[in-house]
Amino acid sequence: MAAPSNVFWDPAGHLHTIALHWEGFPRLLWESLSSFFYSEPPQYDAVEYQEEGVHRCRVRMTIPQHPFRSQW
């Protein structure tokens, strides 16, 4: 596995990454999007928290606007 890249923590404790250093869904999604000429990979925003004594993690993925197909 490659060393993490484009990973940082913000002051609110959220992890921001493009997640391409992890195997699985993030890398497969980026390979699919790049085949449709997307120029930037999706961005992931993750935060861990505890709810009713259970550790949880919430991840939000944002796919950038397509470079020349604004309706996508």
PDB file of N, CA and C in Angstrom:
ATOM      1  N   MET A   1       0.848  -1.173   0.000  1.00  0.00           N
ATOM      2  CA  MET A   1       0.000   0.000   0.000  1.00  0.00           C
ATOM      3  C   MET A   1       0.888   1.229   0.000  1.00  0.00           C
ATOM      4  N   ALA A   2       0.558   2.215  -0.808  1.00  0.00           N
ATOM      5  CA  ALA A   2       1.344   3.443  -0.900  1.00  0.00           C
ATOM      6  C   ALA A   2       1.155   4.296   0.349  1.00  0.00           C
ATOM      7  N   ALA A   3       2.113   5.175   0.596  1.00  0.00           N
ATOM      8  CA  ALA A   3       2.016   6.088   1.737  1.00  0.00           C
ATOM      9  C   ALA A   3       0.842   7.037   1.527  1.00  0.00           C
ATOM     10  N   PRO A   4       0.159   7.421   2.614  1.00  0.00           N
ATOM     11  CA  PRO A   4      -0.975   8.339   2.479  1.00  0.00           C
ATOM     12  C   PRO A   4      -0.559   9.649   1.827  1.00  0.00           C
ATOM     13  N   SER A   5      -1.414  10.137   0.948  1.00  0.00           N
ATOM     14  CA  SER A   5      -1.161  11.421   0.313  1.00  0.00           C
ATOM     15  C   SER A   5      -2.444  12.238   0.324  1.00  0.00           C
ATOM     16  N   ASN A   6      -2.293  13.547   0.330  1.00  0.00           N
ATOM     17  CA  ASN A   6      -3.449  14.441   0.350  1.00  0.00           C
ATOM     18  C   ASN A   6      -4.394  14.121   1.507  1.00  0.00           C
ATOM     19  N   VAL A   7      -3.825  13.896   2.672  1.00  0.00           N
ATOM     20  CA  VAL A   7      -4.597  13.616   3.879  1.00  0.00           C
ATOM     21  C   VAL A   7      -4.296  14.704   4.896  1.00  0.00           C
ATOM     22  N   PHE A   8      -5.353  15.325   5.442  1.00  0.00           N
ATOM     23  CA  PHE A   8      -5.119  16.289   6.512  1.00  0.00           C
ATOM     24  C   PHE A   8      -6.321  16.342   7.441  1.00  0.00           C
ATOM     25  N   TRP A   9      -6.053  16.751   8.675  1.00  0.00           N
ATOM     26  CA  TRP A   9      -7.075  16.926   9.705  1.00  0.00           C
ATOM     27  C   TRP A   9      -7.358  18.408   9.847  1.00  0.00           C
ATOM     28  N   ASP A  10      -8.623  18.791   9.917  1.00  0.00           N
ATOM     29  CA  ASP A  10      -8.955  20.191  10.148  1.00  0.00           C
ATOM     30  C   ASP A  10      -9.145  20.429  11.647  1.00  0.00           C
ATOM     31  N   PRO A  11      -9.272  21.681  12.072  1.00  0.00           N
ATOM     32  CA  PRO A  11      -9.418  21.977  13.505  1.00  0.00           C
ATOM     33  C   PRO A  11     -10.646  21.344  14.160  1.00  0.00           C
ATOM     34  N   ALA A  12     -11.665  21.019  13.377  1.00  0.00           N
ATOM     35  CA  ALA A  12     -12.872  20.395  13.925  1.00  0.00           C
ATOM     36  C   ALA A  12     -12.726  18.881  14.079  1.00  0.00           C
ATOM     37  N   GLY A  13     -11.573  18.326  13.701  1.00  0.00           N
ATOM     38  CA  GLY A  13     -11.344  16.894  13.845  1.00  0.00           C
ATOM     39  C   GLY A  13     -11.794  16.062  12.659  1.00  0.00           C
ATOM     40  N   HIS A  14     -12.052  16.696  11.534  1.00  0.00           N
ATOM     41  CA  HIS A  14     -12.454  15.976  10.331  1.00  0.00           C
ATOM     42  C   HIS A  14     -11.219  15.605   9.523  1.00  0.00           C
ATOM     43  N   LEU A  15     -11.232  14.404   8.984  1.00  0.00           N
ATOM     44  CA  LEU A  15     -10.168  13.930   8.102  1.00  0.00           C
ATOM     45  C   LEU A  15     -10.587  14.223   6.664  1.00  0.00           C
ATOM     46  N   HIS A  16      -9.712  14.867   5.898  1.00  0.00           N
ATOM     47  CA  HIS A  16      -9.981  15.173   4.493  1.00  0.00           C
ATOM     48  C   HIS A  16      -8.951  14.433   3.652  1.00  0.00           C
ATOM     49  N   THR A  17      -9.425  13.762   2.612  1.00  0.00           N
ATOM     50  CA  THR A  17      -8.532  12.966   1.772  1.00  0.00           C
ATOM     51  C   THR A  17      -9.173  12.701   0.419  1.00  0.00           C
ATOM     52  N   ILE A  18      -8.338  12.311  -0.553  1.00  0.00           N
ATOM     53  CA  ILE A  18      -8.865  11.799  -1.829  1.00  0.00           C
ATOM     54  C   ILE A  18      -8.881  10.276  -1.798  1.00  0.00           C
ATOM     55  N   ALA A  19      -8.283   9.683  -0.754  1.00  0.00           N
ATOM     56  CA  ALA A  19      -8.370   8.258  -0.435  1.00  0.00           C
ATOM     57  C   ALA A  19      -7.827   7.319  -1.503  1.00  0.00           C
ATOM     58  N   LEU A  20      -6.992   7.799  -2.405  1.00  0.00           N
ATOM     59  CA  LEU A  20      -6.485   6.928  -3.456  1.00  0.00           C
ATOM     60  C   LEU A  20      -5.394   5.985  -2.966  1.00  0.00           C
ATOM     61  N   HIS A  21      -4.918   6.187  -1.755  1.00  0.00           N
ATOM     62  CA  HIS A  21      -3.910   5.296  -1.191  1.00  0.00           C
ATOM     63  C   HIS A  21      -4.544   4.049  -0.568  1.00  0.00           C
ATOM     64  N   TRP A  22      -5.877   4.018  -0.452  1.00  0.00           N
ATOM     65  CA  TRP A  22      -6.573   2.848   0.069  1.00  0.00           C
ATOM     66  C   TRP A  22      -7.068   1.996  -1.095  1.00  0.00           C
ATOM     67  N   GLU A  23      -6.978   0.696  -0.934  1.00  0.00           N
ATOM     68  CA  GLU A  23      -7.518  -0.208  -1.946  1.00  0.00           C
ATOM     69  C   GLU A  23      -9.040  -0.236  -1.816  1.00  0.00           C
ATOM     70  N   GLY A  24      -9.693  -0.641  -2.869  1.00  0.00           N
ATOM     71  CA  GLY A  24     -11.135  -0.829  -2.805  1.00  0.00           C
ATOM     72  C   GLY A  24     -11.911   0.283  -3.477  1.00  0.00           C
ATOM     73  N   PHE A  25     -13.052   0.611  -2.874  1.00  0.00           N
ATOM     74  CA  PHE A  25     -14.015   1.515  -3.496  1.00  0.00           C
ATOM     75  C   PHE A  25     -13.436   2.851  -3.943  1.00  0.00           C
ATOM     76  N   PRO A  26     -12.703   3.609  -3.105  1.00  0.00           N
ATOM     77  CA  PRO A  26     -12.223   4.922  -3.571  1.00  0.00           C
ATOM     78  C   PRO A  26     -11.381   4.837  -4.845  1.00  0.00           C
ATOM     79  N   ARG A  27     -10.502   3.872  -4.909  1.00  0.00           N
ATOM     80  CA  ARG A  27      -9.641   3.739  -6.085  1.00  0.00           C
ATOM     81  C   ARG A  27     -10.449   3.278  -7.307  1.00  0.00           C
ATOM     82  N   LEU A  28     -11.363   2.322  -7.110  1.00  0.00           N
ATOM     83  CA  LEU A  28     -12.199   1.846  -8.224  1.00  0.00           C
ATOM     84  C   LEU A  28     -13.123   2.947  -8.747  1.00  0.00           C
ATOM     85  N   LEU A  29     -13.673   3.737  -7.840  1.00  0.00           N
ATOM     86  CA  LEU A  29     -14.522   4.844  -8.259  1.00  0.00           C
ATOM     87  C   LEU A  29     -13.723   5.841  -9.084  1.00  0.00           C
ATOM     88  N   TRP A  30     -12.513   6.186  -8.628  1.00  0.00           N
ATOM     89  CA  TRP A  30     -11.700   7.138  -9.370  1.00  0.00           C
ATOM     90  C   TRP A  30     -11.316   6.588 -10.742  1.00  0.00           C
ATOM     91  N   GLU A  31     -11.000   5.301 -10.837  1.00  0.00           N
ATOM     92  CA  GLU A  31     -10.688   4.704 -12.139  1.00  0.00           C
ATOM     93  C   GLU A  31     -11.885   4.811 -13.078  1.00  0.00           C
ATOM     94  N   SER A  32     -13.079   4.600 -12.555  1.00  0.00           N
ATOM     95  CA  SER A  32     -14.292   4.714 -13.377  1.00  0.00           C
ATOM     96  C   SER A  32     -14.531   6.159 -13.795  1.00  0.00           C
ATOM     97  N   LEU A  33     -14.437   7.094 -12.850  1.00  0.00           N
ATOM     98  CA  LEU A  33     -14.666   8.498 -13.182  1.00  0.00           C
ATOM     99  C   LEU A  33     -13.635   9.027 -14.173  1.00  0.00           C
ATOM    100  N   SER A  34     -12.382   8.626 -14.008  1.00  0.00           N
ATOM    101  CA  SER A  34     -11.347   9.120 -14.921  1.00  0.00           C
ATOM    102  C   SER A  34     -11.561   8.586 -16.334  1.00  0.00           C
ATOM    103  N   SER A  35     -12.180   7.422 -16.458  1.00  0.00           N
ATOM    104  CA  SER A  35     -12.479   6.914 -17.803  1.00  0.00           C
ATOM    105  C   SER A  35     -13.549   7.764 -18.490  1.00  0.00           C
ATOM    106  N   PHE A  36     -14.309   8.541 -17.711  1.00  0.00           N
ATOM    107  CA  PHE A  36     -15.295   9.478 -18.249  1.00  0.00           C
ATOM    108  C   PHE A  36     -14.751  10.904 -18.272  1.00  0.00           C
ATOM    109  N   PHE A  37     -13.420  11.029 -18.198  1.00  0.00           N
ATOM    110  CA  PHE A  37     -12.704  12.302 -18.342  1.00  0.00           C
ATOM    111  C   PHE A  37     -12.856  13.268 -17.171  1.00  0.00           C
ATOM    112  N   TYR A  38     -13.180  12.751 -15.986  1.00  0.00           N
ATOM    113  CA  TYR A  38     -13.128  13.615 -14.804  1.00  0.00           C
ATOM    114  C   TYR A  38     -11.667  13.945 -14.543  1.00  0.00           C
ATOM    115  N   SER A  39     -11.392  15.178 -14.190  1.00  0.00           N
ATOM    116  CA  SER A  39     -10.004  15.603 -14.014  1.00  0.00           C
ATOM    117  C   SER A  39      -9.558  15.612 -12.555  1.00  0.00           C
ATOM    118  N   GLU A  40     -10.513  15.529 -11.621  1.00  0.00           N
ATOM    119  CA  GLU A  40     -10.187  15.521 -10.194  1.00  0.00           C
ATOM    120  C   GLU A  40     -10.894  14.368  -9.505  1.00  0.00           C
ATOM    121  N   PRO A  41     -10.209  13.692  -8.573  1.00  0.00           N
ATOM    122  CA  PRO A  41     -10.861  12.583  -7.859  1.00  0.00           C
ATOM    123  C   PRO A  41     -11.849  13.098  -6.820  1.00  0.00           C
ATOM    124  N   PRO A  42     -12.762  12.243  -6.374  1.00  0.00           N
ATOM    125  CA  PRO A  42     -13.693  12.623  -5.312  1.00  0.00           C
ATOM    126  C   PRO A  42     -12.936  12.997  -4.033  1.00  0.00           C
ATOM    127  N   GLN A  43     -13.539  13.863  -3.250  1.00  0.00           N
ATOM    128  CA  GLN A  43     -12.978  14.273  -1.960  1.00  0.00           C
ATOM    129  C   GLN A  43     -13.809  13.607  -0.859  1.00  0.00           C
ATOM    130  N   TYR A  44     -13.128  13.126   0.165  1.00  0.00           N
ATOM    131  CA  TYR A  44     -13.787  12.472   1.288  1.00  0.00           C
ATOM    132  C   TYR A  44     -13.571  13.292   2.558  1.00  0.00           C
ATOM    133  N   ASP A  45     -14.633  13.452   3.340  1.00  0.00           N
ATOM    134  CA  ASP A  45     -14.600  14.166   4.613  1.00  0.00           C
ATOM    135  C   ASP A  45     -15.140  13.184   5.662  1.00  0.00           C
ATOM    136  N   ALA A  46     -14.279  12.761   6.576  1.00  0.00           N
ATOM    137  CA  ALA A  46     -14.673  11.759   7.576  1.00  0.00           C
ATOM    138  C   ALA A  46     -14.548  12.327   8.981  1.00  0.00           C
ATOM    139  N   VAL A  47     -15.445  11.930   9.852  1.00  0.00           N
ATOM    140  CA  VAL A  47     -15.382  12.331  11.254  1.00  0.00           C
ATOM    141  C   VAL A  47     -15.820  11.142  12.115  1.00  0.00           C
ATOM    142  N   GLU A  48     -15.062  10.904  13.171  1.00  0.00           N
ATOM    143  CA  GLU A  48     -15.429   9.872  14.140  1.00  0.00           C
ATOM    144  C   GLU A  48     -16.126  10.547  15.312  1.00  0.00           C
ATOM    145  N   TYR A  49     -17.102   9.870  15.875  1.00  0.00           N
ATOM    146  CA  TYR A  49     -17.830  10.412  17.020  1.00  0.00           C
ATOM    147  C   TYR A  49     -18.413   9.251  17.809  1.00  0.00           C
ATOM    148  N   GLN A  50     -18.941   9.575  18.972  1.00  0.00           N
ATOM    149  CA  GLN A  50     -19.549   8.552  19.812  1.00  0.00           C
ATOM    150  C   GLN A  50     -21.007   8.924  20.024  1.00  0.00           C
ATOM    151  N   GLU A  51     -21.878   7.944  19.826  1.00  0.00           N
ATOM    152  CA  GLU A  51     -23.311   8.157  19.975  1.00  0.00           C
ATOM    153  C   GLU A  51     -23.879   7.034  20.825  1.00  0.00           C
ATOM    154  N   GLU A  52     -24.447   7.386  21.960  1.00  0.00           N
ATOM    155  CA  GLU A  52     -25.018   6.416  22.887  1.00  0.00           C
ATOM    156  C   GLU A  52     -24.024   5.318  23.232  1.00  0.00           C
ATOM    157  N   GLY A  53     -22.762   5.706  23.425  1.00  0.00           N
ATOM    158  CA  GLY A  53     -21.723   4.767  23.819  1.00  0.00           C
ATOM    159  C   GLY A  53     -21.135   3.931  22.693  1.00  0.00           C
ATOM    160  N   VAL A  54     -21.550   4.194  21.462  1.00  0.00           N
ATOM    161  CA  VAL A  54     -21.069   3.430  20.313  1.00  0.00           C
ATOM    162  C   VAL A  54     -20.200   4.335  19.442  1.00  0.00           C
ATOM    163  N   HIS A  55     -18.973   3.882  19.142  1.00  0.00           N
ATOM    164  CA  HIS A  55     -18.100   4.641  18.250  1.00  0.00           C
ATOM    165  C   HIS A  55     -18.628   4.541  16.826  1.00  0.00           C
ATOM    166  N   ARG A  56     -18.712   5.681  16.167  1.00  0.00           N
ATOM    167  CA  ARG A  56     -19.233   5.723  14.805  1.00  0.00           C
ATOM    168  C   ARG A  56     -18.316   6.579  13.932  1.00  0.00           C
ATOM    169  N   CYS A  57     -18.479   6.430  12.639  1.00  0.00           N
ATOM    170  CA  CYS A  57     -17.729   7.227  11.674  1.00  0.00           C
ATOM    171  C   CYS A  57     -18.694   7.639  10.568  1.00  0.00           C
ATOM    172  N   ARG A  58     -18.678   8.910  10.224  1.00  0.00           N
ATOM    173  CA  ARG A  58     -19.508   9.413   9.137  1.00  0.00           C
ATOM    174  C   ARG A  58     -18.575   9.920   8.044  1.00  0.00           C
ATOM    175  N   VAL A  59     -18.820   9.506   6.812  1.00  0.00           N
ATOM    176  CA  VAL A  59     -17.990   9.915   5.675  1.00  0.00           C
ATOM    177  C   VAL A  59     -18.894  10.560   4.632  1.00  0.00           C
ATOM    178  N   ARG A  60     -18.479  11.734   4.168  1.00  0.00           N
ATOM    179  CA  ARG A  60     -19.193  12.411   3.089  1.00  0.00           C
ATOM    180  C   ARG A  60     -18.258  12.462   1.884  1.00  0.00           C
ATOM    181  N   MET A  61     -18.747  12.027   0.735  1.00  0.00           N
ATOM    182  CA  MET A  61     -17.959  12.040  -0.491  1.00  0.00           C
ATOM    183  C   MET A  61     -18.531  13.112  -1.406  1.00  0.00           C
ATOM    184  N   THR A  62     -17.632  13.918  -1.990  1.00  0.00           N
ATOM    185  CA  THR A  62     -18.041  14.944  -2.938  1.00  0.00           C
ATOM    186  C   THR A  62     -17.333  14.691  -4.261  1.00  0.00           C
ATOM    187  N   ILE A  63     -18.114  14.522  -5.316  1.00  0.00           N
ATOM    188  CA  ILE A  63     -17.547  14.332  -6.648  1.00  0.00           C
ATOM    189  C   ILE A  63     -17.526  15.699  -7.319  1.00  0.00           C
ATOM    190  N   PRO A  64     -16.345  16.151  -7.772  1.00  0.00           N
ATOM    191  CA  PRO A  64     -16.261  17.466  -8.412  1.00  0.00           C
ATOM    192  C   PRO A  64     -17.075  17.522  -9.703  1.00  0.00           C
ATOM    193  N   GLN A  65     -17.377  18.745 -10.121  1.00  0.00           N
ATOM    194  CA  GLN A  65     -18.102  18.968 -11.371  1.00  0.00           C
ATOM    195  C   GLN A  65     -17.298  18.412 -12.548  1.00  0.00           C
ATOM    196  N   HIS A  66     -17.970  17.789 -13.484  1.00  0.00           N
ATOM    197  CA  HIS A  66     -17.300  17.295 -14.684  1.00  0.00           C
ATOM    198  C   HIS A  66     -16.728  18.486 -15.441  1.00  0.00           C
ATOM    199  N   PRO A  67     -15.526  18.349 -16.014  1.00  0.00           N
ATOM    200  CA  PRO A  67     -14.869  19.497 -16.650  1.00  0.00           C
ATOM    201  C   PRO A  67     -15.626  20.098 -17.843  1.00  0.00           C
ATOM    202  N   PHE A  68     -16.399  19.300 -18.579  1.00  0.00           N
ATOM    203  CA  PHE A  68     -17.085  19.889 -19.731  1.00  0.00           C
ATOM    204  C   PHE A  68     -18.527  19.418 -19.893  1.00  0.00           C
ATOM    205  N   ARG A  69     -19.038  18.639 -18.967  1.00  0.00           N
ATOM    206  CA  ARG A  69     -20.444  18.211 -19.007  1.00  0.00           C
ATOM    207  C   ARG A  69     -21.119  18.691 -17.718  1.00  0.00           C
ATOM    208  N   SER A  70     -21.553  19.924 -17.727  1.00  0.00           N
ATOM    209  CA  SER A  70     -22.096  20.534 -16.515  1.00  0.00           C
ATOM    210  C   SER A  70     -23.390  19.874 -16.037  1.00  0.00           C
ATOM    211  N   GLN A  71     -24.121  19.195 -16.916  1.00  0.00           N
ATOM    212  CA  GLN A  71     -25.362  18.561 -16.505  1.00  0.00           C
ATOM    213  C   GLN A  71     -25.154  17.257 -15.746  1.00  0.00           C
ATOM    214  N   TRP A  72     -23.907  16.731 -15.714  1.00  0.00           N
ATOM    215  CA  TRP A  72     -23.641  15.480 -14.990  1.00  0.00           C
ATOM    216  C   TRP A  72     -23.561  15.736 -13.523  1.00  0.00           C
TER     217      TRP A  72
END
